[in-house]
Protein backbone atom coordinates (compact mmCIF):
# COMPACT_ATOMS: atom_id res chain seq x y z
CA MET A 1 -10.01 29.59 -17.43
CA SER A 2 -7.27 28.40 -20.03
CA LEU A 3 -8.34 24.49 -21.27
CA LEU A 4 -5.39 22.97 -18.97
CA GLU A 5 -6.49 24.50 -15.74
CA LEU A 6 -9.70 23.23 -16.47
CA ASP A 7 -8.58 19.95 -17.05
CA ALA A 8 -5.94 20.09 -13.81
CA ARG A 9 -9.59 21.45 -12.20
CA PHE A 10 -11.69 18.06 -12.81
CA MET A 11 -8.81 15.65 -12.82
CA GLU A 12 -7.94 16.67 -9.01
CA ARG A 13 -11.77 16.03 -8.17
CA ALA A 14 -11.33 12.55 -10.45
CA LEU A 15 -7.76 12.03 -8.00
CA ALA A 16 -10.30 12.58 -4.71
CA LEU A 17 -12.93 10.26 -5.70
CA ALA A 18 -9.97 7.63 -6.11
CA ASP A 19 -8.75 8.37 -2.96
CA SER A 20 -11.86 7.87 -1.31
CA ALA A 21 -12.06 4.21 -1.74
CA ARG A 22 -8.28 3.90 -0.38
CA GLY A 23 -7.40 0.41 1.20
CA LEU A 24 -11.12 -0.83 -0.11
CA THR A 25 -10.41 -1.50 -4.56
CA SER A 26 -6.96 -4.38 -3.76
CA PRO A 27 -6.15 -5.82 -6.17
CA ASN A 28 -7.51 -3.12 -8.22
CA PRO A 29 -6.41 0.37 -8.37
CA LEU A 30 -8.01 3.17 -7.27
CA VAL A 31 -9.81 4.92 -9.90
CA GLY A 32 -11.99 8.20 -9.86
CA ALA A 33 -13.73 9.55 -13.07
CA VAL A 34 -15.97 12.87 -13.81
CA VAL A 35 -18.51 13.57 -16.93
CA VAL A 36 -17.73 16.92 -17.62
CA ARG A 37 -20.54 18.91 -20.50
CA ASP A 38 -20.50 22.54 -20.90
CA GLY A 39 -18.15 23.23 -17.90
CA LEU A 40 -20.26 21.44 -15.41
CA VAL A 41 -20.50 18.04 -13.66
CA ALA A 42 -22.87 16.00 -15.35
CA GLY A 43 -21.85 12.61 -13.78
CA GLU A 44 -18.83 10.93 -11.27
CA GLY A 45 -17.99 7.88 -10.39
CA TYR A 46 -15.37 5.75 -8.24
CA HIS A 47 -14.51 2.23 -8.23
CA ALA A 48 -14.93 1.12 -5.30
CA GLN A 49 -14.26 -2.37 -4.86
CA ALA A 50 -12.63 -5.36 -6.60
CA GLY A 51 -15.65 -6.94 -8.63
CA THR A 52 -17.94 -3.73 -8.60
CA ALA A 53 -18.58 -1.45 -11.61
CA HIS A 54 -15.40 0.92 -12.74
CA ALA A 55 -15.40 4.06 -12.26
CA GLU A 56 -15.83 4.93 -16.14
CA ARG A 57 -19.06 3.13 -15.94
CA LEU A 58 -20.14 4.50 -13.10
CA ALA A 59 -19.59 8.41 -13.66
CA LEU A 60 -21.25 7.81 -17.11
CA ALA A 61 -24.35 5.98 -15.96
CA ALA A 62 -24.78 9.02 -13.62
CA ALA A 63 -24.66 11.62 -16.46
CA GLY A 64 -27.13 9.59 -18.75
CA LEU A 65 -27.75 11.56 -21.94
CA GLN A 66 -25.80 14.27 -20.96
CA ALA A 67 -22.33 12.46 -21.58
CA ARG A 68 -22.72 12.79 -25.27
CA GLY A 69 -20.31 15.35 -26.81
CA ALA A 70 -18.77 15.57 -23.12
CA THR A 71 -15.37 14.95 -21.60
CA LEU A 72 -14.50 12.43 -19.32
CA TYR A 73 -11.96 12.96 -17.09
CA VAL A 74 -10.28 9.46 -15.39
CA THR A 75 -7.35 8.76 -13.52
CA LEU A 76 -6.31 5.62 -15.14
CA GLU A 77 -6.04 4.46 -18.58
CA PRO A 78 -9.44 3.03 -19.42
CA CYS A 79 -9.26 -0.77 -19.87
CA VAL A 80 -9.88 -2.81 -23.24
CA HIS A 81 -9.78 -5.81 -21.71
CA GLN A 82 -12.87 -8.48 -20.13
CA GLY A 83 -11.95 -9.04 -16.26
CA ARG A 84 -14.49 -9.12 -13.39
CA THR A 85 -16.34 -6.45 -15.67
CA PRO A 86 -16.51 -5.65 -19.07
CA PRO A 87 -14.13 -3.20 -20.57
CA CYS A 88 -14.65 0.27 -20.18
CA VAL A 89 -13.45 1.32 -23.46
CA SER A 90 -16.47 0.02 -25.41
CA ALA A 91 -18.80 2.08 -22.72
CA VAL A 92 -17.26 5.15 -22.99
CA VAL A 93 -17.73 4.63 -26.72
CA GLU A 94 -20.88 4.06 -26.93
CA ALA A 95 -22.02 6.86 -24.49
CA GLY A 96 -20.73 9.50 -27.12
CA ILE A 97 -17.81 10.84 -24.93
CA ARG A 98 -16.36 13.66 -27.25
CA ARG A 99 -13.08 14.05 -25.42
CA VAL A 100 -10.96 11.89 -23.07
CA VAL A 101 -8.18 12.96 -20.52
CA VAL A 102 -6.32 10.32 -18.73
CA ALA A 103 -4.06 11.06 -15.78
CA VAL A 104 -1.66 7.88 -16.62
CA LEU A 105 -1.39 4.80 -18.10
CA ASP A 106 -2.40 1.53 -17.53
CA PRO A 107 1.15 -0.25 -16.50
CA ASN A 108 -0.92 -3.34 -16.96
CA PRO A 109 0.47 -4.95 -20.36
CA ARG A 110 -3.04 -6.24 -20.72
CA VAL A 111 -3.92 -2.51 -20.73
CA SER A 112 -1.13 -0.25 -21.48
CA GLY A 113 -1.75 1.87 -23.93
CA GLY A 114 -3.91 -0.68 -25.34
CA GLY A 115 -7.01 1.67 -24.12
CA VAL A 116 -6.07 5.01 -25.52
CA ALA A 117 -5.67 3.76 -28.95
CA ALA A 118 -8.68 2.35 -29.14
CA LEU A 119 -10.78 5.42 -28.11
CA ARG A 120 -8.50 7.12 -30.94
CA GLN A 121 -9.57 4.83 -33.30
CA ALA A 122 -12.97 5.46 -32.22
CA GLY A 123 -12.45 8.73 -33.64
CA ILE A 124 -12.27 10.61 -29.39
CA ALA A 125 -9.68 13.07 -28.79
CA VAL A 126 -7.49 11.70 -25.76
CA SER A 127 -5.14 13.93 -23.51
CA VAL A 128 -2.30 12.01 -21.13
CA GLY A 129 -0.52 12.88 -18.76
CA CYS A 130 -2.63 15.67 -16.81
CA ARG A 131 -1.92 14.83 -12.77
CA GLU A 132 0.32 12.51 -14.08
CA ALA A 133 2.69 12.38 -10.86
CA ASP A 134 -0.42 12.92 -8.66
CA ALA A 135 -2.43 9.67 -10.11
CA ARG A 136 1.36 7.57 -10.20
CA ARG A 137 1.79 8.51 -6.18
CA LEU A 138 -1.93 7.05 -5.59
CA ASN A 139 -1.82 4.00 -7.12
CA ARG A 140 1.79 3.19 -6.15
CA PRO A 141 1.12 -0.16 -4.17
CA PHE A 142 -0.43 -1.30 -7.83
CA PHE A 143 2.29 0.33 -10.00
CA THR A 144 4.64 -1.72 -8.34
CA TRP A 145 3.15 -4.76 -7.44
CA ILE A 146 2.27 -4.88 -11.66
CA THR A 147 5.70 -4.04 -12.85
CA GLU A 148 7.75 -4.98 -10.16
CA ARG A 149 5.83 -8.15 -8.88
CA ARG A 150 6.26 -7.25 -5.34
CA PRO A 151 4.22 -5.33 -2.86
CA PHE A 152 4.81 -1.93 -2.21
CA VAL A 153 6.29 -2.07 1.71
CA THR A 154 5.45 0.91 3.79
CA LEU A 155 7.84 0.93 7.31
CA LYS A 156 6.17 1.72 10.57
CA ALA A 157 7.49 2.44 13.41
CA ALA A 158 6.65 4.03 16.91
CA MET A 159 9.54 5.47 18.72
CA SER A 160 10.92 7.95 21.53
CA LEU A 161 12.59 11.19 20.78
CA ASP A 162 15.55 9.72 21.53
CA GLY A 163 14.87 6.70 18.88
CA LYS A 164 13.94 4.15 21.29
CA ILE A 165 10.39 1.54 20.31
CA ALA A 166 10.56 -0.17 23.74
CA GLY A 167 12.05 0.70 27.26
CA TRP A 168 14.93 -1.41 28.40
CA ASP A 169 12.21 -3.62 29.99
CA ARG A 170 10.85 -4.31 26.43
CA SER A 171 8.00 -2.24 27.61
CA SER A 172 6.00 -0.64 24.77
CA ARG A 173 2.50 0.30 25.51
CA TRP A 174 2.01 2.69 24.89
CA ILE A 175 4.94 5.17 23.27
CA THR A 176 2.64 6.95 21.05
CA GLY A 177 -0.84 8.54 21.82
CA GLU A 178 -4.28 7.56 20.96
CA ALA A 179 -4.53 9.90 18.04
CA ALA A 180 -1.10 8.56 16.42
CA ARG A 181 -2.48 4.90 17.07
CA ARG A 182 -5.53 5.64 14.94
CA ALA A 183 -2.98 6.53 12.09
CA GLY A 184 -1.39 3.50 12.67
CA HIS A 185 -4.34 1.69 12.85
CA ARG A 186 -5.82 3.70 9.33
CA LEU A 187 -2.49 2.11 8.09
CA ARG A 188 -3.04 -0.86 8.14
CA SER A 189 -6.56 -0.37 6.68
CA GLU A 190 -4.98 0.78 3.26
CA SER A 191 -2.73 -2.57 3.70
CA ASP A 192 -3.19 -6.24 2.12
CA ALA A 193 -1.04 -7.32 4.70
CA VAL A 194 0.52 -6.31 7.93
CA ALA A 195 4.04 -8.08 8.86
CA VAL A 196 6.03 -8.69 12.24
CA GLY A 197 9.66 -10.51 12.57
CA ILE A 198 9.16 -13.62 15.54
CA GLY A 199 10.98 -11.33 17.69
CA THR A 200 8.29 -8.92 18.13
CA LEU A 201 5.38 -11.31 17.80
CA LEU A 202 7.27 -12.74 21.36
CA ALA A 203 7.84 -9.90 23.15
CA ASP A 204 4.79 -7.91 22.24
CA ASP A 205 2.08 -10.67 21.15
CA PRO A 206 0.07 -8.79 18.51
CA GLU A 207 -3.28 -8.79 17.07
CA LEU A 208 -2.14 -7.04 13.92
CA THR A 209 -5.81 -6.19 13.19
CA VAL A 210 -7.50 -3.10 11.87
CA ARG A 211 -9.24 -1.22 14.64
CA LEU A 212 -11.01 1.43 13.47
CA GLU A 213 -14.73 2.95 14.52
CA PRO A 214 -16.51 1.93 12.28
CA ALA A 215 -15.24 -1.48 11.78
CA TRP A 216 -13.31 -1.82 9.13
CA PRO A 217 -14.57 -4.27 5.66
CA ARG A 218 -11.32 -5.50 4.93
CA GLU A 219 -9.20 -7.99 6.75
CA PRO A 220 -5.73 -7.55 6.02
CA HIS A 221 -3.48 -10.96 6.01
CA ARG A 222 -1.25 -11.15 9.45
CA VAL A 223 2.03 -12.06 8.44
CA VAL A 224 5.09 -13.43 11.10
CA VAL A 225 8.23 -13.84 9.44
CA ASP A 226 9.66 -16.99 12.02
CA SER A 227 11.94 -19.11 10.05
CA ARG A 228 11.91 -21.83 12.95
CA ALA A 229 8.17 -21.62 13.34
CA ARG A 230 8.59 -20.49 16.91
CA THR A 231 4.80 -19.23 16.92
CA PRO A 232 3.05 -20.31 20.55
CA CYS A 233 -0.39 -21.87 19.28
CA SER A 234 -1.78 -19.84 21.22
CA ALA A 235 -1.09 -16.33 19.69
CA ARG A 236 -3.27 -13.56 19.41
CA VAL A 237 -2.17 -13.50 15.56
CA LEU A 238 -4.05 -17.15 15.22
CA SER A 239 -7.24 -16.01 17.03
CA ALA A 240 -7.92 -12.63 15.68
CA GLY A 241 -10.03 -12.45 12.84
CA SER A 242 -9.91 -15.38 10.36
CA PRO A 243 -7.43 -17.92 11.27
CA GLY A 244 -6.72 -18.54 7.87
CA ARG A 245 -5.48 -14.88 6.82
CA THR A 246 -2.43 -15.35 9.24
CA LEU A 247 0.47 -16.75 7.43
CA ILE A 248 3.59 -17.81 8.91
CA ALA A 249 6.71 -17.98 6.71
CA VAL A 250 8.99 -20.51 7.66
CA THR A 251 12.09 -22.00 6.25
CA GLU A 252 12.57 -26.03 5.58
CA ALA A 253 14.85 -25.82 9.15
CA ALA A 254 11.17 -25.59 11.26
CA PRO A 255 10.69 -28.62 13.01
CA SER A 256 7.78 -31.05 11.17
CA GLU A 257 5.79 -30.60 14.59
CA ASN A 258 5.52 -27.18 14.80
CA VAL A 259 4.46 -26.77 11.47
CA GLU A 260 1.52 -29.24 11.88
CA ALA A 261 0.24 -27.43 14.89
CA LEU A 262 0.05 -23.96 13.30
CA ALA A 263 -1.58 -25.38 10.67
CA ALA A 264 -4.29 -26.96 13.11
CA ARG A 265 -4.85 -23.60 14.38
CA GLY A 266 -5.73 -22.65 10.67
CA ALA A 267 -2.71 -20.46 9.51
CA GLN A 268 -1.20 -20.89 6.54
CA VAL A 269 2.30 -21.72 6.87
CA VAL A 270 4.35 -21.29 3.81
CA ARG A 271 7.71 -22.87 3.25
CA LEU A 272 10.46 -20.26 1.41
CA PRO A 273 14.51 -20.73 0.72
CA ALA A 274 16.43 -19.46 3.16
CA ARG A 275 18.99 -17.03 2.87
CA ASP A 276 21.47 -16.67 5.88
CA GLU A 277 19.36 -19.07 7.71
CA ARG A 278 16.35 -16.95 7.35
CA VAL A 279 13.15 -16.49 5.86
CA ASP A 280 14.53 -15.12 1.83
CA LEU A 281 12.44 -12.03 2.07
CA ALA A 282 12.59 -11.53 -1.48
CA ALA A 283 11.19 -15.19 -1.86
CA LEU A 284 8.67 -13.96 0.72
CA ALA A 285 7.52 -10.27 -1.26
CA ALA A 286 7.44 -13.09 -4.28
CA GLU A 287 4.89 -14.75 -2.83
CA LEU A 288 2.76 -12.21 -0.96
CA ALA A 289 2.45 -10.74 -4.42
CA ARG A 290 0.95 -14.26 -5.88
CA ARG A 291 -1.62 -13.60 -3.22
CA ASP A 292 -2.38 -10.65 -4.55
CA VAL A 293 -0.87 -8.79 -1.72
CA THR A 294 -0.05 -4.82 -3.46
CA ALA A 295 0.64 -3.08 -0.65
CA LEU A 296 2.68 -4.41 2.56
CA LEU A 297 3.15 -2.74 6.55
CA LEU A 298 6.01 -3.85 7.55
CA GLU A 299 5.57 -3.36 11.93
CA GLY A 300 9.21 -4.62 12.17
CA GLY A 301 11.30 -5.02 15.02
CA GLY A 302 14.52 -3.56 14.23
CA GLU A 303 15.79 -6.69 12.71
CA LEU A 304 12.91 -7.09 10.35
CA ASN A 305 12.90 -3.73 9.70
CA ALA A 306 17.11 -3.68 9.02
CA ALA A 307 16.24 -6.93 6.83
CA PHE A 308 14.23 -5.30 4.85
CA LEU A 309 15.61 -2.53 3.95
CA GLU A 310 19.35 -4.38 2.88
CA ALA A 311 16.85 -6.61 0.86
CA GLY A 312 16.38 -3.19 -1.17
CA LEU A 313 12.45 -3.76 -0.62
CA VAL A 314 11.26 -0.99 1.53
CA ASP A 315 9.49 2.19 -0.31
CA ARG A 316 8.55 4.42 2.31
CA VAL A 317 8.82 5.06 5.80
CA VAL A 318 6.37 6.49 8.51
CA VAL A 319 7.91 7.21 11.59
CA PHE A 320 5.82 8.09 14.93
CA VAL A 321 7.69 10.06 17.30
CA ALA A 322 6.45 10.50 20.90
CA PRO A 323 7.63 13.49 23.19
CA MET A 324 9.50 11.61 25.76
CA LEU A 325 12.80 10.32 26.51
CA LEU A 326 13.45 6.33 27.31
CA GLY A 327 17.39 5.83 27.49
CA GLY A 328 18.76 2.57 28.26
CA ARG A 329 21.69 0.79 26.48
CA SER A 330 19.49 -2.26 25.64
CA ALA A 331 16.41 -0.26 24.91
CA PRO A 332 15.32 -1.66 21.30
CA THR A 333 15.54 0.94 18.09
CA PRO A 334 13.19 0.58 14.79
CA LEU A 335 16.74 -0.34 13.02
CA GLU A 336 19.26 -3.28 14.09
CA GLY A 337 21.38 -5.43 12.29
CA PRO A 338 24.89 -4.34 11.53
CA GLY A 339 24.27 -0.87 10.84
CA ARG A 340 26.06 1.33 8.29
CA GLY A 341 28.74 3.88 7.88
CA LEU A 342 27.52 7.96 7.01
CA LYS A 343 28.21 7.44 3.76
CA GLU A 344 26.15 4.43 3.31
CA ALA A 345 22.99 5.37 5.58
CA PHE A 346 19.78 5.39 3.89
CA ARG A 347 18.67 8.01 3.12
CA LEU A 348 14.59 9.95 2.17
CA THR A 349 13.05 12.05 -0.25
CA ALA A 350 9.94 13.62 -0.54
CA MET A 351 9.96 14.18 3.35
CA THR A 352 6.60 15.44 5.22
CA VAL A 353 6.05 16.28 9.00
CA ARG A 354 2.49 16.47 10.41
CA ARG A 355 0.87 16.26 14.26
CA GLU A 356 -1.03 13.46 15.27
CA GLY A 357 -1.88 14.57 18.88
CA GLU A 358 0.63 15.41 20.75
CA ASP A 359 3.04 13.05 18.14
CA LEU A 360 5.22 13.92 15.21
CA VAL A 361 4.34 11.74 12.06
CA ILE A 362 7.57 12.09 9.73
CA GLU A 363 7.36 10.52 6.00
CA GLY A 364 9.74 9.68 3.01
CA ASP A 365 10.47 7.32 0.31
CA ILE A 366 13.67 5.64 0.21
CA ASP A 367 16.19 7.55 -2.20
CA ARG A 368 16.96 5.49 -4.99
CA GLY A 369 18.50 7.91 -7.08
CA GLU A 370 21.88 7.67 -8.72
CA SER A 371 22.99 10.81 -8.00
CA ASP A 372 25.26 11.73 -5.38
CA VAL A 373 22.65 10.73 -2.40
CA HIS A 374 24.77 8.89 -0.17
CA GLY A 375 27.11 11.96 -0.03
CA PRO A 376 27.09 15.35 3.00
CA ARG A 377 24.20 17.34 2.69
């Protein structure tokens, strides 16, 4: 087996280790590390939670004296700055590592390139770029949050085969089956915040909580986009979990008495600029980023979904499709708003399709390429 093949093999293990903490490390990235000596794994580790030991230090500790002269595989460039924990570069140097294989450089300006430079200055051979595309995809929320100062946004919808998210009478429980609903809760668990519009809240009164077994240890923010503060004080988003994890985004048009009543229930009510008499979604995204929201799950409904798309804020789309037909001229769909013509349609790339029980799950990334992405296919 060639050196490149060995590097890819051990980096795959490091990526798998990093992925095991999905949804638990924010606002820190997912990172995995493996120490290899004489072709065998001597130690491994992954970053499990913000504020805890980094992957490199855990892997080096597990390897002990076997780390001297070994190769370290790490999915993200080792940090060179003091944060909640000491810099990892110093630990790598002190352990006597001979070679470091890095999947991708850290986009954080405090780190980017600095960790690699410090390792090379210490006489350690460094290789960068092994499984880089996989490492970037693993940490898309972190990269988006750092480079664009907004959350990575996933638009999630559950619909019938004919594209309805509810019946003509607004009944929507349940369009998809139990397996698909569990998958939906896993999406929530991977997010720092879950958002709906006021229309969906008034129609469905959702909790927006993570309901998995065993109980999930993190509580995502519950976000309601509600320009006029129409959220009832009896809404379940205010009583499901910690009230302070509910954020209601309003504009200056929201009546003060409504805002004060919601704040008295414990919600965080944030006044944001308006655009076309609605909450400016770019301002909302920036506000969420300031609150360390790196991944936002958008659960609509159709008006809010369309508004996020038109604002250029959606990165990924996940649609659960149930094997049923609802029909109905007035039945809501995942996308409302003014709509687009075929030539201007939002296109998806990197598409995947899988089964969750009896339902299909279709995923794709919003295609922002500059080529002829809107033309005939």
